[in-house]
PDB file of N, CA and C in Angstrom:
ATOM      1  N   UNK A   1    -113.269 -11.949   6.991  1.00  0.00           N
ATOM      2  CA  UNK A   1    -112.216 -12.288   7.929  1.00  0.00           C
ATOM      3  C   UNK A   1    -111.647 -11.011   8.549  1.00  0.00           C
ATOM      4  N   UNK A   2    -111.134 -11.162   9.749  1.00  0.00           N
ATOM      5  CA  UNK A   2    -110.534 -10.054  10.474  1.00  0.00           C
ATOM      6  C   UNK A   2    -109.372 -10.584  11.303  1.00  0.00           C
ATOM      7  N   UNK A   3    -108.628  -9.705  11.867  1.00  0.00           N
ATOM      8  CA  UNK A   3    -107.568 -10.089  12.796  1.00  0.00           C
ATOM      9  C   UNK A   3    -108.034  -9.761  14.206  1.00  0.00           C
ATOM     10  N   UNK A   4    -107.539 -10.515  15.176  1.00  0.00           N
ATOM     11  CA  UNK A   4    -107.889 -10.280  16.571  1.00  0.00           C
ATOM     12  C   UNK A   4    -106.628 -10.338  17.425  1.00  0.00           C
ATOM     13  N   UNK A   5    -106.716  -9.687  18.572  1.00  0.00           N
ATOM     14  CA  UNK A   5    -105.632  -9.733  19.551  1.00  0.00           C
ATOM     15  C   UNK A   5    -105.999 -10.801  20.573  1.00  0.00           C
ATOM     16  N   UNK A   6    -105.033 -11.640  20.911  1.00  0.00           N
ATOM     17  CA  UNK A   6    -105.264 -12.740  21.841  1.00  0.00           C
ATOM     18  C   UNK A   6    -104.564 -12.473  23.174  1.00  0.00           C
ATOM     19  N   UNK A   7    -104.670 -13.434  24.082  1.00  0.00           N
ATOM     20  CA  UNK A   7    -104.150 -13.248  25.435  1.00  0.00           C
ATOM     21  C   UNK A   7    -102.644 -13.037  25.516  1.00  0.00           C
ATOM     22  N   UNK A   8    -101.915 -13.339  24.465  1.00  0.00           N
ATOM     23  CA  UNK A   8    -100.468 -13.097  24.484  1.00  0.00           C
ATOM     24  C   UNK A   8    -100.140 -11.616  24.656  1.00  0.00           C
ATOM     25  N   UNK A   9    -101.081 -10.750  24.337  1.00  0.00           N
ATOM     26  CA  UNK A   9    -100.884  -9.304  24.486  1.00  0.00           C
ATOM     27  C   UNK A   9    -100.992  -8.844  25.948  1.00  0.00           C
ATOM     28  N   UNK A  10    -101.703  -9.597  26.763  1.00  0.00           N
ATOM     29  CA  UNK A  10    -101.935  -9.191  28.150  1.00  0.00           C
ATOM     30  C   UNK A  10    -100.612  -9.016  28.874  1.00  0.00           C
ATOM     31  N   UNK A  11    -100.461  -7.865  29.500  1.00  0.00           N
ATOM     32  CA  UNK A  11     -99.275  -7.460  30.268  1.00  0.00           C
ATOM     33  C   UNK A  11     -98.072  -7.143  29.384  1.00  0.00           C
ATOM     34  N   UNK A  12     -98.170  -7.324  28.061  1.00  0.00           N
ATOM     35  CA  UNK A  12     -97.075  -6.975  27.151  1.00  0.00           C
ATOM     36  C   UNK A  12     -97.363  -5.626  26.497  1.00  0.00           C
ATOM     37  N   UNK A  13     -98.451  -5.588  25.750  1.00  0.00           N
ATOM     38  CA  UNK A  13     -98.945  -4.345  25.146  1.00  0.00           C
ATOM     39  C   UNK A  13     -97.819  -3.528  24.502  1.00  0.00           C
ATOM     40  N   UNK A  14     -97.082  -4.168  23.592  1.00  0.00           N
ATOM     41  CA  UNK A  14     -95.964  -3.495  22.923  1.00  0.00           C
ATOM     42  C   UNK A  14     -96.401  -2.338  22.028  1.00  0.00           C
ATOM     43  N   UNK A  15     -97.501  -2.477  21.354  1.00  0.00           N
ATOM     44  CA  UNK A  15     -98.107  -1.444  20.506  1.00  0.00           C
ATOM     45  C   UNK A  15     -97.400  -1.182  19.178  1.00  0.00           C
ATOM     46  N   UNK A  16     -96.471  -2.026  18.776  1.00  0.00           N
ATOM     47  CA  UNK A  16     -95.830  -1.868  17.471  1.00  0.00           C
ATOM     48  C   UNK A  16     -96.864  -1.962  16.345  1.00  0.00           C
ATOM     49  N   UNK A  17     -97.893  -2.746  16.564  1.00  0.00           N
ATOM     50  CA  UNK A  17     -98.952  -2.986  15.588  1.00  0.00           C
ATOM     51  C   UNK A  17     -99.757  -1.724  15.269  1.00  0.00           C
ATOM     52  N   UNK A  18     -99.908  -0.867  16.250  1.00  0.00           N
ATOM     53  CA  UNK A  18    -100.760   0.318  16.123  1.00  0.00           C
ATOM     54  C   UNK A  18    -100.273   1.247  15.011  1.00  0.00           C
ATOM     55  N   UNK A  19     -98.983   1.454  14.944  1.00  0.00           N
ATOM     56  CA  UNK A  19     -98.412   2.405  13.976  1.00  0.00           C
ATOM     57  C   UNK A  19     -98.600   1.976  12.520  1.00  0.00           C
ATOM     58  N   UNK A  20     -98.704   0.679  12.259  1.00  0.00           N
ATOM     59  CA  UNK A  20     -98.802   0.214  10.870  1.00  0.00           C
ATOM     60  C   UNK A  20    -100.241   0.056  10.385  1.00  0.00           C
ATOM     61  N   UNK A  21    -101.199   0.135  11.278  1.00  0.00           N
ATOM     62  CA  UNK A  21    -102.596  -0.073  10.898  1.00  0.00           C
ATOM     63  C   UNK A  21    -103.108   1.085  10.026  1.00  0.00           C
ATOM     64  N   UNK A  22    -103.525   0.791   8.793  1.00  0.00           N
ATOM     65  CA  UNK A  22    -103.985   1.864   7.913  1.00  0.00           C
ATOM     66  C   UNK A  22    -105.377   2.393   8.238  1.00  0.00           C
ATOM     67  N   UNK A  23    -106.131   1.691   9.081  1.00  0.00           N
ATOM     68  CA  UNK A  23    -107.493   2.127   9.382  1.00  0.00           C
ATOM     69  C   UNK A  23    -107.728   2.439  10.865  1.00  0.00           C
ATOM     70  N   UNK A  24    -106.658   2.470  11.656  1.00  0.00           N
ATOM     71  CA  UNK A  24    -106.754   2.825  13.084  1.00  0.00           C
ATOM     72  C   UNK A  24    -107.844   2.041  13.810  1.00  0.00           C
ATOM     73  N   UNK A  25    -107.772   0.709  13.718  1.00  0.00           N
ATOM     74  CA  UNK A  25    -108.820  -0.115  14.337  1.00  0.00           C
ATOM     75  C   UNK A  25    -108.387  -0.744  15.664  1.00  0.00           C
ATOM     76  N   UNK A  26    -107.346  -0.189  16.297  1.00  0.00           N
ATOM     77  CA  UNK A  26    -106.897  -0.684  17.601  1.00  0.00           C
ATOM     78  C   UNK A  26    -107.496   0.157  18.722  1.00  0.00           C
ATOM     79  N   UNK A  27    -107.811  -0.533  19.811  1.00  0.00           N
ATOM     80  CA  UNK A  27    -108.386   0.111  20.993  1.00  0.00           C
ATOM     81  C   UNK A  27    -107.563  -0.341  22.192  1.00  0.00           C
ATOM     82  N   UNK A  28    -107.385   0.559  23.149  1.00  0.00           N
ATOM     83  CA  UNK A  28    -106.445   0.300  24.236  1.00  0.00           C
ATOM     84  C   UNK A  28    -107.128   0.097  25.588  1.00  0.00           C
ATOM     85  N   UNK A  29    -106.745  -1.013  26.214  1.00  0.00           N
ATOM     86  CA  UNK A  29    -107.175  -1.307  27.565  1.00  0.00           C
ATOM     87  C   UNK A  29    -106.016  -1.083  28.516  1.00  0.00           C
ATOM     88  N   UNK A  30    -106.262  -1.280  29.777  1.00  0.00           N
ATOM     89  CA  UNK A  30    -105.222  -1.074  30.783  1.00  0.00           C
ATOM     90  C   UNK A  30    -104.007  -1.969  30.548  1.00  0.00           C
ATOM     91  N   UNK A  31    -104.242  -3.238  30.154  1.00  0.00           N
ATOM     92  CA  UNK A  31    -103.069  -4.102  29.988  1.00  0.00           C
ATOM     93  C   UNK A  31    -103.055  -4.917  28.684  1.00  0.00           C
ATOM     94  N   UNK A  32    -103.866  -4.515  27.711  1.00  0.00           N
ATOM     95  CA  UNK A  32    -103.802  -5.137  26.379  1.00  0.00           C
ATOM     96  C   UNK A  32    -104.497  -4.254  25.353  1.00  0.00           C
ATOM     97  N   UNK A  33    -104.349  -4.610  24.099  1.00  0.00           N
ATOM     98  CA  UNK A  33    -105.030  -3.942  22.993  1.00  0.00           C
ATOM     99  C   UNK A  33    -106.061  -4.900  22.412  1.00  0.00           C
ATOM    100  N   UNK A  34    -107.026  -4.367  21.685  1.00  0.00           N
ATOM    101  CA  UNK A  34    -107.951  -5.173  20.899  1.00  0.00           C
ATOM    102  C   UNK A  34    -108.114  -4.528  19.529  1.00  0.00           C
ATOM    103  N   UNK A  35    -108.590  -5.314  18.588  1.00  0.00           N
ATOM    104  CA  UNK A  35    -108.893  -4.841  17.233  1.00  0.00           C
ATOM    105  C   UNK A  35    -110.398  -4.871  17.064  1.00  0.00           C
ATOM    106  N   UNK A  36    -110.965  -3.796  16.546  1.00  0.00           N
ATOM    107  CA  UNK A  36    -112.402  -3.789  16.264  1.00  0.00           C
ATOM    108  C   UNK A  36    -112.617  -4.631  15.007  1.00  0.00           C
ATOM    109  N   UNK A  37    -113.286  -5.787  15.137  1.00  0.00           N
ATOM    110  CA  UNK A  37    -113.423  -6.681  13.987  1.00  0.00           C
ATOM    111  C   UNK A  37    -114.241  -6.119  12.828  1.00  0.00           C
ATOM    112  N   UNK A  38    -115.088  -5.137  13.087  1.00  0.00           N
ATOM    113  CA  UNK A  38    -115.875  -4.546  11.998  1.00  0.00           C
ATOM    114  C   UNK A  38    -115.113  -3.443  11.275  1.00  0.00           C
ATOM    115  N   UNK A  39    -114.019  -2.981  11.861  1.00  0.00           N
ATOM    116  CA  UNK A  39    -113.216  -1.930  11.242  1.00  0.00           C
ATOM    117  C   UNK A  39    -111.973  -2.482  10.537  1.00  0.00           C
ATOM    118  N   UNK A  40    -111.510  -3.635  10.975  1.00  0.00           N
ATOM    119  CA  UNK A  40    -110.317  -4.266  10.395  1.00  0.00           C
ATOM    120  C   UNK A  40    -110.581  -4.606   8.927  1.00  0.00           C
ATOM    121  N   UNK A  41    -109.635  -4.260   8.065  1.00  0.00           N
ATOM    122  CA  UNK A  41    -109.796  -4.531   6.629  1.00  0.00           C
ATOM    123  C   UNK A  41    -109.021  -5.775   6.196  1.00  0.00           C
ATOM    124  N   UNK A  42    -108.535  -6.528   7.159  1.00  0.00           N
ATOM    125  CA  UNK A  42    -107.880  -7.800   6.884  1.00  0.00           C
ATOM    126  C   UNK A  42    -106.630  -7.658   6.035  1.00  0.00           C
ATOM    127  N   UNK A  43    -105.896  -6.573   6.230  1.00  0.00           N
ATOM    128  CA  UNK A  43    -104.679  -6.380   5.444  1.00  0.00           C
ATOM    129  C   UNK A  43    -103.521  -7.199   5.999  1.00  0.00           C
ATOM    130  N   UNK A  44    -103.534  -7.468   7.306  1.00  0.00           N
ATOM    131  CA  UNK A  44    -102.526  -8.314   7.916  1.00  0.00           C
ATOM    132  C   UNK A  44    -101.201  -7.665   8.243  1.00  0.00           C
ATOM    133  N   UNK A  45    -101.056  -6.359   8.032  1.00  0.00           N
ATOM    134  CA  UNK A  45     -99.760  -5.730   8.300  1.00  0.00           C
ATOM    135  C   UNK A  45     -99.412  -5.694   9.786  1.00  0.00           C
ATOM    136  N   UNK A  46    -100.396  -5.794  10.641  1.00  0.00           N
ATOM    137  CA  UNK A  46    -100.151  -5.755  12.076  1.00  0.00           C
ATOM    138  C   UNK A  46     -99.568  -7.058  12.616  1.00  0.00           C
ATOM    139  N   UNK A  47     -99.951  -8.168  12.035  1.00  0.00           N
ATOM    140  CA  UNK A  47     -99.565  -9.484  12.570  1.00  0.00           C
ATOM    141  C   UNK A  47     -98.049  -9.654  12.728  1.00  0.00           C
ATOM    142  N   UNK A  48     -97.239  -9.390  11.709  1.00  0.00           N
ATOM    143  CA  UNK A  48     -95.797  -9.602  11.878  1.00  0.00           C
ATOM    144  C   UNK A  48     -95.118  -8.558  12.768  1.00  0.00           C
ATOM    145  N   UNK A  49     -95.803  -7.472  13.074  1.00  0.00           N
ATOM    146  CA  UNK A  49     -95.220  -6.418  13.910  1.00  0.00           C
ATOM    147  C   UNK A  49     -95.276  -6.733  15.398  1.00  0.00           C
ATOM    148  N   UNK A  50     -96.084  -7.708  15.782  1.00  0.00           N
ATOM    149  CA  UNK A  50     -96.295  -8.002  17.200  1.00  0.00           C
ATOM    150  C   UNK A  50     -95.190  -8.912  17.748  1.00  0.00           C
ATOM    151  N   UNK A  51     -94.343  -8.396  18.652  1.00  0.00           N
ATOM    152  CA  UNK A  51     -93.282  -9.214  19.229  1.00  0.00           C
ATOM    153  C   UNK A  51     -93.805 -10.382  20.065  1.00  0.00           C
ATOM    154  N   UNK A  52     -95.012 -10.257  20.599  1.00  0.00           N
ATOM    155  CA  UNK A  52     -95.594 -11.316  21.430  1.00  0.00           C
ATOM    156  C   UNK A  52     -96.396 -12.329  20.616  1.00  0.00           C
ATOM    157  N   UNK A  53     -96.484 -12.113  19.297  1.00  0.00           N
ATOM    158  CA  UNK A  53     -97.266 -12.975  18.406  1.00  0.00           C
ATOM    159  C   UNK A  53     -98.710 -13.119  18.904  1.00  0.00           C
ATOM    160  N   UNK A  54     -99.264 -11.999  19.331  1.00  0.00           N
ATOM    161  CA  UNK A  54    -100.612 -11.982  19.905  1.00  0.00           C
ATOM    162  C   UNK A  54    -101.712 -11.744  18.878  1.00  0.00           C
ATOM    163  N   UNK A  55    -101.361 -11.394  17.660  1.00  0.00           N
ATOM    164  CA  UNK A  55    -102.365 -11.078  16.637  1.00  0.00           C
ATOM    165  C   UNK A  55    -102.489 -12.249  15.673  1.00  0.00           C
ATOM    166  N   UNK A  56    -103.737 -12.701  15.517  1.00  0.00           N
ATOM    167  CA  UNK A  56    -104.024 -13.842  14.647  1.00  0.00           C
ATOM    168  C   UNK A  56    -105.244 -13.548  13.784  1.00  0.00           C
ATOM    169  N   UNK A  57    -105.329 -14.188  12.601  1.00  0.00           N
ATOM    170  CA  UNK A  57    -106.559 -14.059  11.818  1.00  0.00           C
ATOM    171  C   UNK A  57    -107.669 -14.826  12.529  1.00  0.00           C
ATOM    172  N   UNK A  58    -108.890 -14.348  12.412  1.00  0.00           N
ATOM    173  CA  UNK A  58    -109.995 -15.021  13.100  1.00  0.00           C
ATOM    174  C   UNK A  58    -110.262 -16.427  12.560  1.00  0.00           C
ATOM    175  N   UNK A  59    -109.671 -16.774  11.455  1.00  0.00           N
ATOM    176  CA  UNK A  59    -109.815 -18.117  10.899  1.00  0.00           C
ATOM    177  C   UNK A  59    -108.919 -19.136  11.621  1.00  0.00           C
ATOM    178  N   UNK A  60    -107.978 -18.656  12.404  1.00  0.00           N
ATOM    179  CA  UNK A  60    -107.104 -19.535  13.186  1.00  0.00           C
ATOM    180  C   UNK A  60    -107.899 -20.064  14.384  1.00  0.00           C
ATOM    181  N   UNK A  61    -107.839 -21.360  14.625  1.00  0.00           N
ATOM    182  CA  UNK A  61    -108.595 -21.962  15.727  1.00  0.00           C
ATOM    183  C   UNK A  61    -108.274 -21.318  17.072  1.00  0.00           C
ATOM    184  N   UNK A  62    -107.035 -20.844  17.254  1.00  0.00           N
ATOM    185  CA  UNK A  62    -106.641 -20.212  18.522  1.00  0.00           C
ATOM    186  C   UNK A  62    -107.266 -18.831  18.694  1.00  0.00           C
ATOM    187  N   UNK A  63    -107.774 -18.261  17.621  1.00  0.00           N
ATOM    188  CA  UNK A  63    -108.329 -16.905  17.671  1.00  0.00           C
ATOM    189  C   UNK A  63    -109.837 -16.869  17.869  1.00  0.00           C
ATOM    190  N   UNK A  64    -110.521 -17.950  17.593  1.00  0.00           N
ATOM    191  CA  UNK A  64    -111.981 -17.980  17.601  1.00  0.00           C
ATOM    192  C   UNK A  64    -112.585 -17.389  18.867  1.00  0.00           C
ATOM    193  N   UNK A  65    -112.098 -17.799  20.017  1.00  0.00           N
ATOM    194  CA  UNK A  65    -112.664 -17.325  21.280  1.00  0.00           C
ATOM    195  C   UNK A  65    -112.373 -15.851  21.555  1.00  0.00           C
ATOM    196  N   UNK A  66    -111.492 -15.240  20.780  1.00  0.00           N
ATOM    197  CA  UNK A  66    -111.095 -13.854  21.036  1.00  0.00           C
ATOM    198  C   UNK A  66    -111.873 -12.828  20.216  1.00  0.00           C
ATOM    199  N   UNK A  67    -112.619 -13.268  19.229  1.00  0.00           N
ATOM    200  CA  UNK A  67    -113.355 -12.331  18.368  1.00  0.00           C
ATOM    201  C   UNK A  67    -114.341 -11.506  19.189  1.00  0.00           C
ATOM    202  N   UNK A  68    -115.150 -12.148  20.015  1.00  0.00           N
ATOM    203  CA  UNK A  68    -116.155 -11.410  20.790  1.00  0.00           C
ATOM    204  C   UNK A  68    -115.522 -10.517  21.854  1.00  0.00           C
ATOM    205  N   UNK A  69    -114.437 -10.966  22.482  1.00  0.00           N
ATOM    206  CA  UNK A  69    -113.750 -10.105  23.453  1.00  0.00           C
ATOM    207  C   UNK A  69    -113.227  -8.854  22.757  1.00  0.00           C
ATOM    208  N   UNK A  70    -112.641  -9.015  21.569  1.00  0.00           N
ATOM    209  CA  UNK A  70    -112.158  -7.864  20.814  1.00  0.00           C
ATOM    210  C   UNK A  70    -113.307  -6.928  20.464  1.00  0.00           C
ATOM    211  N   UNK A  71    -114.425  -7.493  20.019  1.00  0.00           N
ATOM    212  CA  UNK A  71    -115.588  -6.678  19.642  1.00  0.00           C
ATOM    213  C   UNK A  71    -116.139  -5.920  20.857  1.00  0.00           C
ATOM    214  N   UNK A  72    -116.282  -6.605  21.971  1.00  0.00           N
ATOM    215  CA  UNK A  72    -116.847  -6.014  23.179  1.00  0.00           C
ATOM    216  C   UNK A  72    -116.003  -4.856  23.692  1.00  0.00           C
ATOM    217  N   UNK A  73    -114.710  -5.073  23.809  1.00  0.00           N
ATOM    218  CA  UNK A  73    -113.863  -4.029  24.395  1.00  0.00           C
ATOM    219  C   UNK A  73    -113.503  -2.922  23.411  1.00  0.00           C
ATOM    220  N   UNK A  74    -113.542  -3.210  22.110  1.00  0.00           N
ATOM    221  CA  UNK A  74    -113.339  -2.141  21.128  1.00  0.00           C
ATOM    222  C   UNK A  74    -114.456  -1.111  21.233  1.00  0.00           C
ATOM    223  N   UNK A  75    -115.631  -1.554  21.665  1.00  0.00           N
ATOM    224  CA  UNK A  75    -116.764  -0.630  21.835  1.00  0.00           C
ATOM    225  C   UNK A  75    -116.665   0.167  23.135  1.00  0.00           C
ATOM    226  N   UNK A  76    -115.819  -0.265  24.064  1.00  0.00           N
ATOM    227  CA  UNK A  76    -115.727   0.388  25.373  1.00  0.00           C
ATOM    228  C   UNK A  76    -114.432   1.168  25.587  1.00  0.00           C
ATOM    229  N   UNK A  77    -113.372   0.749  24.956  1.00  0.00           N
ATOM    230  CA  UNK A  77    -112.053   1.351  25.179  1.00  0.00           C
ATOM    231  C   UNK A  77    -111.771   2.442  24.156  1.00  0.00           C
ATOM    232  N   UNK A  78    -110.846   3.363  24.479  1.00  0.00           N
ATOM    233  CA  UNK A  78    -110.503   4.430  23.527  1.00  0.00           C
ATOM    234  C   UNK A  78    -109.681   3.908  22.341  1.00  0.00           C
ATOM    235  N   UNK A  79    -109.902   4.540  21.217  1.00  0.00           N
ATOM    236  CA  UNK A  79    -109.144   4.237  20.006  1.00  0.00           C
ATOM    237  C   UNK A  79    -107.708   4.724  20.183  1.00  0.00           C
ATOM    238  N   UNK A  80    -106.773   3.984  19.608  1.00  0.00           N
ATOM    239  CA  UNK A  80    -105.368   4.371  19.674  1.00  0.00           C
ATOM    240  C   UNK A  80    -104.792   4.330  18.265  1.00  0.00           C
ATOM    241  N   UNK A  81    -104.074   5.367  17.882  1.00  0.00           N
ATOM    242  CA  UNK A  81    -103.510   5.414  16.537  1.00  0.00           C
ATOM    243  C   UNK A  81    -102.005   5.671  16.547  1.00  0.00           C
ATOM    244  N   UNK A  82    -101.443   5.851  17.732  1.00  0.00           N
ATOM    245  CA  UNK A  82    -100.001   6.052  17.855  1.00  0.00           C
ATOM    246  C   UNK A  82     -99.436   5.095  18.887  1.00  0.00           C
ATOM    247  N   UNK A  83     -98.246   4.629  18.612  1.00  0.00           N
ATOM    248  CA  UNK A  83     -97.572   3.715  19.529  1.00  0.00           C
ATOM    249  C   UNK A  83     -97.238   4.455  20.821  1.00  0.00           C
ATOM    250  N   UNK A  84     -97.570   3.827  21.933  1.00  0.00           N
ATOM    251  CA  UNK A  84     -97.212   4.379  23.229  1.00  0.00           C
ATOM    252  C   UNK A  84     -96.078   3.574  23.837  1.00  0.00           C
ATOM    253  N   UNK A  85     -95.839   3.794  25.097  1.00  0.00           N
ATOM    254  CA  UNK A  85     -94.790   3.076  25.812  1.00  0.00           C
ATOM    255  C   UNK A  85     -95.304   1.712  26.260  1.00  0.00           C
ATOM    256  N   UNK A  86     -94.551   0.684  25.961  1.00  0.00           N
ATOM    257  CA  UNK A  86     -94.881  -0.650  26.461  1.00  0.00           C
ATOM    258  C   UNK A  86     -94.553  -0.684  27.951  1.00  0.00           C
ATOM    259  N   UNK A  87     -95.217  -1.538  28.715  1.00  0.00           N
ATOM    260  CA  UNK A  87     -94.879  -1.659  30.133  1.00  0.00           C
ATOM    261  C   UNK A  87     -93.398  -2.017  30.305  1.00  0.00           C
ATOM    262  N   UNK A  88     -92.790  -1.528  31.354  1.00  0.00           N
ATOM    263  CA  UNK A  88     -91.364  -1.772  31.606  1.00  0.00           C
ATOM    264  C   UNK A  88     -91.046  -3.257  31.701  1.00  0.00           C
ATOM    265  N   UNK A  89     -91.998  -4.054  32.166  1.00  0.00           N
ATOM    266  CA  UNK A  89     -91.762  -5.491  32.324  1.00  0.00           C
ATOM    267  C   UNK A  89     -92.381  -6.333  31.195  1.00  0.00           C
ATOM    268  N   UNK A  90     -92.647  -5.710  30.060  1.00  0.00           N
ATOM    269  CA  UNK A  90     -93.287  -6.414  28.938  1.00  0.00           C
ATOM    270  C   UNK A  90     -92.495  -7.641  28.500  1.00  0.00           C
ATOM    271  N   UNK A  91     -91.196  -7.526  28.403  1.00  0.00           N
ATOM    272  CA  UNK A  91     -90.386  -8.660  27.950  1.00  0.00           C
ATOM    273  C   UNK A  91     -90.487  -9.847  28.913  1.00  0.00           C
ATOM    274  N   UNK A  92     -90.639  -9.578  30.180  1.00  0.00           N
ATOM    275  CA  UNK A  92     -90.763 -10.647  31.168  1.00  0.00           C
ATOM    276  C   UNK A  92     -92.078 -11.409  31.008  1.00  0.00           C
ATOM    277  N   UNK A  93     -93.111 -10.732  30.498  1.00  0.00           N
ATOM    278  CA  UNK A  93     -94.428 -11.350  30.326  1.00  0.00           C
ATOM    279  C   UNK A  93     -94.630 -11.958  28.944  1.00  0.00           C
ATOM    280  N   UNK A  94     -93.764 -11.652  28.015  1.00  0.00           N
ATOM    281  CA  UNK A  94     -93.957 -12.018  26.608  1.00  0.00           C
ATOM    282  C   UNK A  94     -94.292 -13.490  26.372  1.00  0.00           C
ATOM    283  N   UNK A  95     -93.583 -14.393  26.989  1.00  0.00           N
ATOM    284  CA  UNK A  95     -93.790 -15.818  26.715  1.00  0.00           C
ATOM    285  C   UNK A  95     -94.534 -16.559  27.824  1.00  0.00           C
ATOM    286  N   UNK A  96     -95.163 -15.828  28.720  1.00  0.00           N
ATOM    287  CA  UNK A  96     -95.914 -16.450  29.811  1.00  0.00           C
ATOM    288  C   UNK A  96     -97.254 -16.955  29.257  1.00  0.00           C
ATOM    289  N   UNK A  97     -97.578 -18.225  29.489  1.00  0.00           N
ATOM    290  CA  UNK A  97     -98.857 -18.767  28.995  1.00  0.00           C
ATOM    291  C   UNK A  97    -100.015 -18.451  29.952  1.00  0.00           C
ATOM    292  N   UNK A  98    -101.222 -18.674  29.475  1.00  0.00           N
ATOM    293  CA  UNK A  98    -102.430 -18.583  30.300  1.00  0.00           C
ATOM    294  C   UNK A  98    -102.551 -17.258  31.060  1.00  0.00           C
ATOM    295  N   UNK A  99    -102.520 -16.162  30.326  1.00  0.00           N
ATOM    296  CA  UNK A  99    -102.573 -14.841  30.970  1.00  0.00           C
ATOM    297  C   UNK A  99    -103.982 -14.270  31.087  1.00  0.00           C
ATOM    298  N   UNK A 100    -104.997 -14.981  30.622  1.00  0.00           N
ATOM    299  CA  UNK A 100    -106.356 -14.442  30.668  1.00  0.00           C
ATOM    300  C   UNK A 100    -106.769 -14.065  32.088  1.00  0.00           C
ATOM    301  N   UNK A 101    -106.305 -14.784  33.073  1.00  0.00           N
ATOM    302  CA  UNK A 101    -106.652 -14.479  34.471  1.00  0.00           C
ATOM    303  C   UNK A 101    -106.109 -13.108  34.901  1.00  0.00           C
ATOM    304  N   UNK A 102    -105.185 -12.550  34.127  1.00  0.00           N
ATOM    305  CA  UNK A 102    -104.602 -11.240  34.423  1.00  0.00           C
ATOM    306  C   UNK A 102    -105.264 -10.110  33.632  1.00  0.00           C
ATOM    307  N   UNK A 103    -106.221 -10.462  32.779  1.00  0.00           N
ATOM    308  CA  UNK A 103    -106.911  -9.466  31.943  1.00  0.00           C
ATOM    309  C   UNK A 103    -107.572  -8.400  32.810  1.00  0.00           C
ATOM    310  N   UNK A 104    -107.366  -7.142  32.436  1.00  0.00           N
ATOM    311  CA  UNK A 104    -107.968  -6.011  33.135  1.00  0.00           C
ATOM    312  C   UNK A 104    -108.966  -5.348  32.189  1.00  0.00           C
ATOM    313  N   UNK A 105    -110.261  -5.332  32.510  1.00  0.00           N
ATOM    314  CA  UNK A 105    -111.268  -4.752  31.624  1.00  0.00           C
ATOM    315  C   UNK A 105    -111.281  -3.217  31.605  1.00  0.00           C
ATOM    316  N   UNK A 106    -110.467  -2.585  32.423  1.00  0.00           N
ATOM    317  CA  UNK A 106    -110.441  -1.117  32.481  1.00  0.00           C
ATOM    318  C   UNK A 106    -109.869  -0.537  31.195  1.00  0.00           C
ATOM    319  N   UNK A 107    -110.394   0.606  30.766  1.00  0.00           N
ATOM    320  CA  UNK A 107    -109.839   1.253  29.574  1.00  0.00           C
ATOM    321  C   UNK A 107    -108.420   1.765  29.852  1.00  0.00           C
ATOM    322  N   UNK A 108    -107.626   1.810  28.804  1.00  0.00           N
ATOM    323  CA  UNK A 108    -106.283   2.355  28.909  1.00  0.00           C
ATOM    324  C   UNK A 108    -106.264   3.814  28.492  1.00  0.00           C
ATOM    325  N   UNK A 109    -105.073   4.368  28.415  1.00  0.00           N
ATOM    326  CA  UNK A 109    -104.917   5.761  28.004  1.00  0.00           C
ATOM    327  C   UNK A 109    -104.307   5.792  26.611  1.00  0.00           C
ATOM    328  N   UNK A 110    -104.981   6.471  25.689  1.00  0.00           N
ATOM    329  CA  UNK A 110    -104.443   6.545  24.314  1.00  0.00           C
ATOM    330  C   UNK A 110    -103.163   7.373  24.248  1.00  0.00           C
TER     331      UNK A 110
END
């Protein structure tokens, strides 16, 4: 089992989760983070840190479709091990549903 980042992270990208990860398995895109599923040790410390509730175990039905997206972009985006600045409008996007159409495949800056 592993944890994955879901669409709730898109346009929020708070990054509180990054600082608590003991194995640095987060990767940063332009407008969201992903977890490398092969690096995640399933400790779960990141899940309660996410204000957008975007992190779920892959055993959750809502997370199933996100495992491959996390795997794909973790291989393309830079690794991040320190919390950066969340977007200024993150709180406005936090509870917006159906954000996948806003997903940006471009890598972010660590």
